[in-house]
PDB file of all heavy atoms in Angstrom:
ATOM      1  N   GLN A   1      83.054  67.843  -1.050  1.00  0.00           N
ATOM      2  CA  GLN A   1      82.450  69.186  -1.069  1.00  0.00           C
ATOM      3  C   GLN A   1      81.120  69.122  -0.344  1.00  0.00           C
ATOM      4  O   GLN A   1      80.347  68.176  -0.508  1.00  0.00           O
ATOM      5  CB  GLN A   1      82.265  69.670  -2.506  1.00  0.00           C
ATOM      6  CG  GLN A   1      83.589  69.973  -3.212  1.00  0.00           C
ATOM      7  CD  GLN A   1      83.392  70.560  -4.592  1.00  0.00           C
ATOM      8  OE1 GLN A   1      82.413  70.284  -5.270  1.00  0.00           O
ATOM      9  NE2 GLN A   1      84.335  71.411  -5.015  1.00  0.00           N
ATOM     10  N   LEU A   2      80.841  70.153   0.451  1.00  0.00           N
ATOM     11  CA  LEU A   2      79.639  70.198   1.271  1.00  0.00           C
ATOM     12  C   LEU A   2      78.789  71.400   0.876  1.00  0.00           C
ATOM     13  O   LEU A   2      79.308  72.506   0.724  1.00  0.00           O
ATOM     14  CB  LEU A   2      80.023  70.310   2.753  1.00  0.00           C
ATOM     15  CG  LEU A   2      80.988  69.250   3.288  1.00  0.00           C
ATOM     16  CD1 LEU A   2      81.400  69.570   4.721  1.00  0.00           C
ATOM     17  CD2 LEU A   2      80.356  67.873   3.213  1.00  0.00           C
ATOM     18  N   VAL A   3      77.494  71.174   0.738  1.00  0.00           N
ATOM     19  CA  VAL A   3      76.564  72.248   0.393  1.00  0.00           C
ATOM     20  C   VAL A   3      75.413  72.244   1.388  1.00  0.00           C
ATOM     21  O   VAL A   3      74.687  71.249   1.510  1.00  0.00           O
ATOM     22  CB  VAL A   3      76.016  72.088  -1.041  1.00  0.00           C
ATOM     23  CG1 VAL A   3      75.014  73.204  -1.343  1.00  0.00           C
ATOM     24  CG2 VAL A   3      77.152  72.107  -2.045  1.00  0.00           C
ATOM     25  N   GLU A   4      75.245  73.363   2.102  1.00  0.00           N
ATOM     26  CA  GLU A   4      74.173  73.479   3.086  1.00  0.00           C
ATOM     27  C   GLU A   4      72.939  74.134   2.463  1.00  0.00           C
ATOM     28  O   GLU A   4      73.043  74.918   1.521  1.00  0.00           O
ATOM     29  CB  GLU A   4      74.592  74.330   4.296  1.00  0.00           C
ATOM     30  CG  GLU A   4      75.847  73.878   5.012  1.00  0.00           C
ATOM     31  CD  GLU A   4      77.046  74.671   4.591  1.00  0.00           C
ATOM     32  OE1 GLU A   4      77.068  75.154   3.441  1.00  0.00           O
ATOM     33  OE2 GLU A   4      77.981  74.810   5.420  1.00  0.00           O
ATOM     34  N   SER A   5      71.794  73.828   3.054  1.00  0.00           N
ATOM     35  CA  SER A   5      70.548  74.491   2.692  1.00  0.00           C
ATOM     36  C   SER A   5      69.578  74.358   3.866  1.00  0.00           C
ATOM     37  O   SER A   5      69.859  73.631   4.824  1.00  0.00           O
ATOM     38  CB  SER A   5      69.938  73.888   1.423  1.00  0.00           C
ATOM     39  OG  SER A   5      69.628  72.526   1.633  1.00  0.00           O
ATOM     40  N   GLY A   6      68.454  75.064   3.752  1.00  0.00           N
ATOM     41  CA  GLY A   6      67.425  74.941   4.780  1.00  0.00           C
ATOM     42  C   GLY A   6      67.337  76.105   5.740  1.00  0.00           C
ATOM     43  O   GLY A   6      66.428  76.164   6.560  1.00  0.00           O
ATOM     44  N   GLY A   7      68.280  77.036   5.644  1.00  0.00           N
ATOM     45  CA  GLY A   7      68.217  78.193   6.518  1.00  0.00           C
ATOM     46  C   GLY A   7      67.079  79.125   6.124  1.00  0.00           C
ATOM     47  O   GLY A   7      66.433  78.947   5.102  1.00  0.00           O
ATOM     48  N   GLY A   8      66.837  80.118   6.977  1.00  0.00           N
ATOM     49  CA  GLY A   8      65.784  81.078   6.679  1.00  0.00           C
ATOM     50  C   GLY A   8      65.416  81.887   7.898  1.00  0.00           C
ATOM     51  O   GLY A   8      66.146  81.912   8.888  1.00  0.00           O
ATOM     52  N   LEU A   9      64.279  82.549   7.795  1.00  0.00           N
ATOM     53  CA  LEU A   9      63.760  83.393   8.873  1.00  0.00           C
ATOM     54  C   LEU A   9      62.611  82.672   9.556  1.00  0.00           C
ATOM     55  O   LEU A   9      61.699  82.178   8.881  1.00  0.00           O
ATOM     56  CB  LEU A   9      63.286  84.728   8.304  1.00  0.00           C
ATOM     57  CG  LEU A   9      62.571  85.685   9.263  1.00  0.00           C
ATOM     58  CD1 LEU A   9      63.514  86.130  10.375  1.00  0.00           C
ATOM     59  CD2 LEU A   9      62.025  86.876   8.498  1.00  0.00           C
ATOM     60  N   VAL A  10      62.670  82.611  10.877  1.00  0.00           N
ATOM     61  CA  VAL A  10      61.626  81.932  11.632  1.00  0.00           C
ATOM     62  C   VAL A  10      61.383  82.697  12.928  1.00  0.00           C
ATOM     63  O   VAL A  10      62.300  83.352  13.447  1.00  0.00           O
ATOM     64  CB  VAL A  10      62.025  80.464  11.913  1.00  0.00           C
ATOM     65  CG1 VAL A  10      63.252  80.385  12.810  1.00  0.00           C
ATOM     66  CG2 VAL A  10      60.877  79.670  12.494  1.00  0.00           C
ATOM     67  N   GLN A  11      60.178  82.602  13.446  1.00  0.00           N
ATOM     68  CA  GLN A  11      59.882  83.245  14.724  1.00  0.00           C
ATOM     69  C   GLN A  11      60.396  82.393  15.887  1.00  0.00           C
ATOM     70  O   GLN A  11      60.526  81.169  15.758  1.00  0.00           O
ATOM     71  CB  GLN A  11      58.378  83.457  14.876  1.00  0.00           C
ATOM     72  CG  GLN A  11      57.813  84.554  13.985  1.00  0.00           C
ATOM     73  CD  GLN A  11      56.371  84.867  14.299  1.00  0.00           C
ATOM     74  OE1 GLN A  11      55.628  84.018  14.778  1.00  0.00           O
ATOM     75  NE2 GLN A  11      55.960  86.104  14.040  1.00  0.00           N
ATOM     76  N   ALA A  12      60.654  83.049  16.999  1.00  0.00           N
ATOM     77  CA  ALA A  12      61.080  82.331  18.190  1.00  0.00           C
ATOM     78  C   ALA A  12      60.064  81.246  18.532  1.00  0.00           C
ATOM     79  O   ALA A  12      58.852  81.469  18.447  1.00  0.00           O
ATOM     80  CB  ALA A  12      61.239  83.301  19.356  1.00  0.00           C
ATOM     81  N   GLY A  13      60.582  80.081  18.892  1.00  0.00           N
ATOM     82  CA  GLY A  13      59.731  78.940  19.180  1.00  0.00           C
ATOM     83  C   GLY A  13      59.491  78.038  17.985  1.00  0.00           C
ATOM     84  O   GLY A  13      58.958  76.932  18.143  1.00  0.00           O
ATOM     85  N   GLY A  14      59.862  78.514  16.815  1.00  0.00           N
ATOM     86  CA  GLY A  14      59.662  77.740  15.600  1.00  0.00           C
ATOM     87  C   GLY A  14      60.765  76.728  15.354  1.00  0.00           C
ATOM     88  O   GLY A  14      61.674  76.537  16.187  1.00  0.00           O
ATOM     89  N   SER A  15      60.688  76.081  14.191  1.00  0.00           N
ATOM     90  CA  SER A  15      61.632  75.024  13.837  1.00  0.00           C
ATOM     91  C   SER A  15      62.183  75.232  12.436  1.00  0.00           C
ATOM     92  O   SER A  15      61.518  75.825  11.576  1.00  0.00           O
ATOM     93  CB  SER A  15      60.946  73.655  13.897  1.00  0.00           C
ATOM     94  OG  SER A  15      60.481  73.369  15.200  1.00  0.00           O
ATOM     95  N   LEU A  16      63.374  74.732  12.233  1.00  0.00           N
ATOM     96  CA  LEU A  16      63.994  74.670  10.915  1.00  0.00           C
ATOM     97  C   LEU A  16      64.787  73.376  10.825  1.00  0.00           C
ATOM     98  O   LEU A  16      65.262  72.857  11.848  1.00  0.00           O
ATOM     99  CB  LEU A  16      64.940  75.848  10.684  1.00  0.00           C
ATOM    100  CG  LEU A  16      64.363  77.207  10.322  1.00  0.00           C
ATOM    101  CD1 LEU A  16      65.475  78.245  10.257  1.00  0.00           C
ATOM    102  CD2 LEU A  16      63.605  77.165   9.004  1.00  0.00           C
ATOM    103  N   ARG A  17      64.949  72.897   9.600  1.00  0.00           N
ATOM    104  CA  ARG A  17      65.782  71.727   9.373  1.00  0.00           C
ATOM    105  C   ARG A  17      66.845  72.072   8.350  1.00  0.00           C
ATOM    106  O   ARG A  17      66.511  72.492   7.233  1.00  0.00           O
ATOM    107  CB  ARG A  17      64.952  70.538   8.887  1.00  0.00           C
ATOM    108  CG  ARG A  17      65.699  69.218   8.957  1.00  0.00           C
ATOM    109  CD  ARG A  17      64.867  68.072   8.435  1.00  0.00           C
ATOM    110  NE  ARG A  17      65.403  66.783   8.863  1.00  0.00           N
ATOM    111  CZ  ARG A  17      65.093  65.622   8.299  1.00  0.00           C
ATOM    112  NH1 ARG A  17      64.231  65.591   7.293  1.00  0.00           N
ATOM    113  NH2 ARG A  17      65.622  64.514   8.760  1.00  0.00           N
ATOM    114  N   LEU A  18      68.084  71.936   8.753  1.00  0.00           N
ATOM    115  CA  LEU A  18      69.197  72.207   7.865  1.00  0.00           C
ATOM    116  C   LEU A  18      69.659  70.912   7.204  1.00  0.00           C
ATOM    117  O   LEU A  18      69.621  69.848   7.814  1.00  0.00           O
ATOM    118  CB  LEU A  18      70.357  72.838   8.630  1.00  0.00           C
ATOM    119  CG  LEU A  18      70.065  74.135   9.382  1.00  0.00           C
ATOM    120  CD1 LEU A  18      71.349  74.685   9.988  1.00  0.00           C
ATOM    121  CD2 LEU A  18      69.407  75.158   8.490  1.00  0.00           C
ATOM    122  N   PHE A  19      70.100  71.059   5.957  1.00  0.00           N
ATOM    123  CA  PHE A  19      70.586  69.929   5.183  1.00  0.00           C
ATOM    124  C   PHE A  19      72.022  70.202   4.750  1.00  0.00           C
ATOM    125  O   PHE A  19      72.369  71.325   4.398  1.00  0.00           O
ATOM    126  CB  PHE A  19      69.740  69.729   3.922  1.00  0.00           C
ATOM    127  CG  PHE A  19      68.284  69.506   4.180  1.00  0.00           C
ATOM    128  CD1 PHE A  19      67.441  70.572   4.454  1.00  0.00           C
ATOM    129  CD2 PHE A  19      67.752  68.230   4.141  1.00  0.00           C
ATOM    130  CE1 PHE A  19      66.082  70.374   4.684  1.00  0.00           C
ATOM    131  CE2 PHE A  19      66.397  68.017   4.369  1.00  0.00           C
ATOM    132  CZ  PHE A  19      65.567  69.093   4.648  1.00  0.00           C
ATOM    133  N   CYS A  20      72.831  69.163   4.749  1.00  0.00           N
ATOM    134  CA  CYS A  20      74.197  69.268   4.246  1.00  0.00           C
ATOM    135  C   CYS A  20      74.428  68.075   3.335  1.00  0.00           C
ATOM    136  O   CYS A  20      74.466  66.925   3.802  1.00  0.00           O
ATOM    137  CB  CYS A  20      75.192  69.264   5.393  1.00  0.00           C
ATOM    138  SG  CYS A  20      76.918  69.180   4.880  1.00  0.00           S
ATOM    139  N   VAL A  21      74.568  68.359   2.048  1.00  0.00           N
ATOM    140  CA  VAL A  21      74.778  67.299   1.073  1.00  0.00           C
ATOM    141  C   VAL A  21      76.245  67.271   0.674  1.00  0.00           C
ATOM    142  O   VAL A  21      76.819  68.297   0.288  1.00  0.00           O
ATOM    143  CB  VAL A  21      73.898  67.499  -0.165  1.00  0.00           C
ATOM    144  CG1 VAL A  21      74.125  66.376  -1.164  1.00  0.00           C
ATOM    145  CG2 VAL A  21      72.426  67.556   0.231  1.00  0.00           C
ATOM    146  N   ALA A  22      76.852  66.091   0.748  1.00  0.00           N
ATOM    147  CA  ALA A  22      78.258  65.919   0.386  1.00  0.00           C
ATOM    148  C   ALA A  22      78.367  65.395  -1.028  1.00  0.00           C
ATOM    149  O   ALA A  22      77.569  64.565  -1.455  1.00  0.00           O
ATOM    150  CB  ALA A  22      78.919  64.949   1.358  1.00  0.00           C
ATOM    151  N   SER A  23      79.369  65.904  -1.739  1.00  0.00           N
ATOM    152  CA  SER A  23      79.543  65.473  -3.122  1.00  0.00           C
ATOM    153  C   SER A  23      80.220  64.116  -3.205  1.00  0.00           C
ATOM    154  O   SER A  23      80.074  63.390  -4.183  1.00  0.00           O
ATOM    155  CB  SER A  23      80.369  66.498  -3.898  1.00  0.00           C
ATOM    156  OG  SER A  23      81.658  66.637  -3.306  1.00  0.00           O
ATOM    157  N   GLY A  24      80.974  63.798  -2.144  1.00  0.00           N
ATOM    158  CA  GLY A  24      81.648  62.505  -2.133  1.00  0.00           C
ATOM    159  C   GLY A  24      80.944  61.541  -1.202  1.00  0.00           C
ATOM    160  O   GLY A  24      79.830  61.793  -0.757  1.00  0.00           O
ATOM    161  N   ARG A  25      81.613  60.491  -0.872  1.00  0.00           N
ATOM    162  CA  ARG A  25      81.027  59.498   0.014  1.00  0.00           C
ATOM    163  C   ARG A  25      81.352  59.848   1.466  1.00  0.00           C
ATOM    164  O   ARG A  25      82.489  59.783   1.889  1.00  0.00           O
ATOM    165  CB  ARG A  25      81.583  58.116  -0.315  1.00  0.00           C
ATOM    166  CG  ARG A  25      81.121  57.575  -1.650  1.00  0.00           C
ATOM    167  CD  ARG A  25      81.745  56.213  -1.922  1.00  0.00           C
ATOM    168  NE  ARG A  25      81.410  55.257  -0.882  1.00  0.00           N
ATOM    169  CZ  ARG A  25      80.288  54.538  -0.866  1.00  0.00           C
ATOM    170  NH1 ARG A  25      79.408  54.704  -1.822  1.00  0.00           N
ATOM    171  NH2 ARG A  25      80.058  53.683   0.094  1.00  0.00           N
ATOM    172  N   ILE A  26      80.305  60.191   2.215  1.00  0.00           N
ATOM    173  CA  ILE A  26      80.534  60.564   3.607  1.00  0.00           C
ATOM    174  C   ILE A  26      80.655  59.347   4.505  1.00  0.00           C
ATOM    175  O   ILE A  26      81.032  59.472   5.661  1.00  0.00           O
ATOM    176  CB  ILE A  26      79.422  61.497   4.141  1.00  0.00           C
ATOM    177  CG1 ILE A  26      78.095  60.757   4.235  1.00  0.00           C
ATOM    178  CG2 ILE A  26      79.326  62.743   3.295  1.00  0.00           C
ATOM    179  CD1 ILE A  26      77.039  61.557   4.972  1.00  0.00           C
ATOM    180  N   SER A  27      80.344  58.181   3.974  1.00  0.00           N
ATOM    181  CA  SER A  27      80.413  56.987   4.824  1.00  0.00           C
ATOM    182  C   SER A  27      81.834  56.743   5.301  1.00  0.00           C
ATOM    183  O   SER A  27      82.050  56.107   6.332  1.00  0.00           O
ATOM    184  CB  SER A  27      79.901  55.765   4.060  1.00  0.00           C
ATOM    185  OG  SER A  27      80.648  55.565   2.877  1.00  0.00           O
ATOM    186  N   SER A  28      82.819  57.262   4.531  1.00  0.00           N
ATOM    187  CA  SER A  28      84.206  57.061   4.933  1.00  0.00           C
ATOM    188  C   SER A  28      84.697  58.145   5.880  1.00  0.00           C
ATOM    189  O   SER A  28      85.820  58.074   6.375  1.00  0.00           O
ATOM    190  CB  SER A  28      85.109  57.032   3.698  1.00  0.00           C
ATOM    191  OG  SER A  28      85.047  58.272   3.028  1.00  0.00           O
ATOM    192  N   ILE A  29      83.870  59.149   6.121  1.00  0.00           N
ATOM    193  CA  ILE A  29      84.230  60.251   7.010  1.00  0.00           C
ATOM    194  C   ILE A  29      83.709  59.932   8.402  1.00  0.00           C
ATOM    195  O   ILE A  29      82.509  59.753   8.595  1.00  0.00           O
ATOM    196  CB  ILE A  29      83.637  61.583   6.524  1.00  0.00           C
ATOM    197  CG1 ILE A  29      84.182  61.910   5.136  1.00  0.00           C
ATOM    198  CG2 ILE A  29      83.966  62.701   7.506  1.00  0.00           C
ATOM    199  CD1 ILE A  29      83.568  63.144   4.522  1.00  0.00           C
ATOM    200  N   HIS A  30      84.625  59.889   9.360  1.00  0.00           N
ATOM    201  CA  HIS A  30      84.237  59.447  10.705  1.00  0.00           C
ATOM    202  C   HIS A  30      83.347  60.462  11.408  1.00  0.00           C
ATOM    203  O   HIS A  30      82.348  60.101  12.038  1.00  0.00           O
ATOM    204  CB  HIS A  30      85.494  59.185  11.534  1.00  0.00           C
ATOM    205  CG  HIS A  30      85.194  58.757  12.935  1.00  0.00           C
ATOM    206  ND1 HIS A  30      84.365  57.690  13.232  1.00  0.00           N
ATOM    207  CD2 HIS A  30      85.579  59.261  14.120  1.00  0.00           C
ATOM    208  CE1 HIS A  30      84.284  57.544  14.536  1.00  0.00           C
ATOM    209  NE2 HIS A  30      85.002  58.483  15.108  1.00  0.00           N
ATOM    210  N   VAL A  31      83.680  61.734  11.294  1.00  0.00           N
ATOM    211  CA  VAL A  31      82.943  62.746  12.035  1.00  0.00           C
ATOM    212  C   VAL A  31      82.418  63.824  11.098  1.00  0.00           C
ATOM    213  O   VAL A  31      83.137  64.310  10.221  1.00  0.00           O
ATOM    214  CB  VAL A  31      83.834  63.412  13.107  1.00  0.00           C
ATOM    215  CG1 VAL A  31      83.019  64.438  13.902  1.00  0.00           C
ATOM    216  CG2 VAL A  31      84.418  62.365  14.043  1.00  0.00           C
ATOM    217  N   MET A  32      81.162  64.197  11.318  1.00  0.00           N
ATOM    218  CA  MET A  32      80.579  65.358  10.619  1.00  0.00           C
ATOM    219  C   MET A  32      79.890  66.217  11.662  1.00  0.00           C
ATOM    220  O   MET A  32      79.458  65.717  12.718  1.00  0.00           O
ATOM    221  CB  MET A  32      79.600  64.920   9.547  1.00  0.00           C
ATOM    222  CG  MET A  32      80.259  64.108   8.448  1.00  0.00           C
ATOM    223  SD  MET A  32      79.242  63.914   6.990  1.00  0.00           S
ATOM    224  CE  MET A  32      79.280  65.573   6.312  1.00  0.00           C
ATOM    225  N   GLY A  33      79.811  67.486  11.368  1.00  0.00           N
ATOM    226  CA  GLY A  33      79.234  68.367  12.375  1.00  0.00           C
ATOM    227  C   GLY A  33      78.650  69.636  11.801  1.00  0.00           C
ATOM    228  O   GLY A  33      78.779  69.929  10.604  1.00  0.00           O
ATOM    229  N   TRP A  34      77.996  70.365  12.675  1.00  0.00           N
ATOM    230  CA  TRP A  34      77.451  71.682  12.361  1.00  0.00           C
ATOM    231  C   TRP A  34      78.064  72.713  13.303  1.00  0.00           C
ATOM    232  O   TRP A  34      78.126  72.490  14.520  1.00  0.00           O
ATOM    233  CB  TRP A  34      75.931  71.691  12.523  1.00  0.00           C
ATOM    234  CG  TRP A  34      75.189  70.968  11.447  1.00  0.00           C
ATOM    235  CD1 TRP A  34      74.768  69.676  11.468  1.00  0.00           C
ATOM    236  CD2 TRP A  34      74.787  71.507  10.183  1.00  0.00           C
ATOM    237  NE1 TRP A  34      74.121  69.369  10.300  1.00  0.00           N
ATOM    238  CE2 TRP A  34      74.110  70.476   9.495  1.00  0.00           C
ATOM    239  CE3 TRP A  34      74.913  72.751   9.572  1.00  0.00           C
ATOM    240  CZ2 TRP A  34      73.579  70.652   8.217  1.00  0.00           C
ATOM    241  CZ3 TRP A  34      74.378  72.927   8.308  1.00  0.00           C
ATOM    242  CH2 TRP A  34      73.721  71.888   7.646  1.00  0.00           C
ATOM    243  N   PHE A  35      78.511  73.795  12.719  1.00  0.00           N
ATOM    244  CA  PHE A  35      79.034  74.922  13.481  1.00  0.00           C
ATOM    245  C   PHE A  35      78.146  76.136  13.199  1.00  0.00           C
ATOM    246  O   PHE A  35      77.369  76.136  12.240  1.00  0.00           O
ATOM    247  CB  PHE A  35      80.464  75.264  13.024  1.00  0.00           C
ATOM    248  CG  PHE A  35      81.508  74.275  13.459  1.00  0.00           C
ATOM    249  CD1 PHE A  35      81.601  73.028  12.868  1.00  0.00           C
ATOM    250  CD2 PHE A  35      82.413  74.604  14.454  1.00  0.00           C
ATOM    251  CE1 PHE A  35      82.571  72.116  13.261  1.00  0.00           C
ATOM    252  CE2 PHE A  35      83.397  73.710  14.856  1.00  0.00           C
ATOM    253  CZ  PHE A  35      83.466  72.471  14.251  1.00  0.00           C
ATOM    254  N   ARG A  36      78.291  77.160  14.007  1.00  0.00           N
ATOM    255  CA  ARG A  36      77.619  78.428  13.725  1.00  0.00           C
ATOM    256  C   ARG A  36      78.513  79.590  14.122  1.00  0.00           C
ATOM    257  O   ARG A  36      79.381  79.451  14.979  1.00  0.00           O
ATOM    258  CB  ARG A  36      76.272  78.522  14.438  1.00  0.00           C
ATOM    259  CG  ARG A  36      76.333  78.582  15.959  1.00  0.00           C
ATOM    260  CD  ARG A  36      74.924  78.525  16.535  1.00  0.00           C
ATOM    261  NE  ARG A  36      74.924  78.592  17.996  1.00  0.00           N
ATOM    262  CZ  ARG A  36      73.843  78.418  18.751  1.00  0.00           C
ATOM    263  NH1 ARG A  36      72.666  78.154  18.168  1.00  0.00           N
ATOM    264  NH2 ARG A  36      73.925  78.494  20.060  1.00  0.00           N
ATOM    265  N   GLN A  37      78.258  80.720  13.466  1.00  0.00           N
ATOM    266  CA  GLN A  37      79.081  81.898  13.722  1.00  0.00           C
ATOM    267  C   GLN A  37      78.250  83.158  13.568  1.00  0.00           C
ATOM    268  O   GLN A  37      77.460  83.276  12.636  1.00  0.00           O
ATOM    269  CB  GLN A  37      80.268  81.943  12.761  1.00  0.00           C
ATOM    270  CG  GLN A  37      81.285  83.018  13.076  1.00  0.00           C
ATOM    271  CD  GLN A  37      82.544  82.873  12.245  1.00  0.00           C
ATOM    272  OE1 GLN A  37      82.535  82.303  11.152  1.00  0.00           O
ATOM    273  NE2 GLN A  37      83.653  83.377  12.760  1.00  0.00           N
ATOM    274  N   THR A  38      78.450  84.079  14.503  1.00  0.00           N
ATOM    275  CA  THR A  38      77.840  85.401  14.414  1.00  0.00           C
ATOM    276  C   THR A  38      78.956  86.427  14.309  1.00  0.00           C
ATOM    277  O   THR A  38      80.093  86.155  14.708  1.00  0.00           O
ATOM    278  CB  THR A  38      76.977  85.694  15.649  1.00  0.00           C
ATOM    279  OG1 THR A  38      77.772  85.506  16.835  1.00  0.00           O
ATOM    280  CG2 THR A  38      75.777  84.765  15.716  1.00  0.00           C
TER     281      THR A  38
END
């Protein structure tokens, strides 16, 4: 199970850091990624 956090409102030019915490062991997962959708 994956839970994201860290999103929010920021001005152009700013920075954010997103976090994704896995409930299981991700070391056995070969690939992880971030997608986005509008």
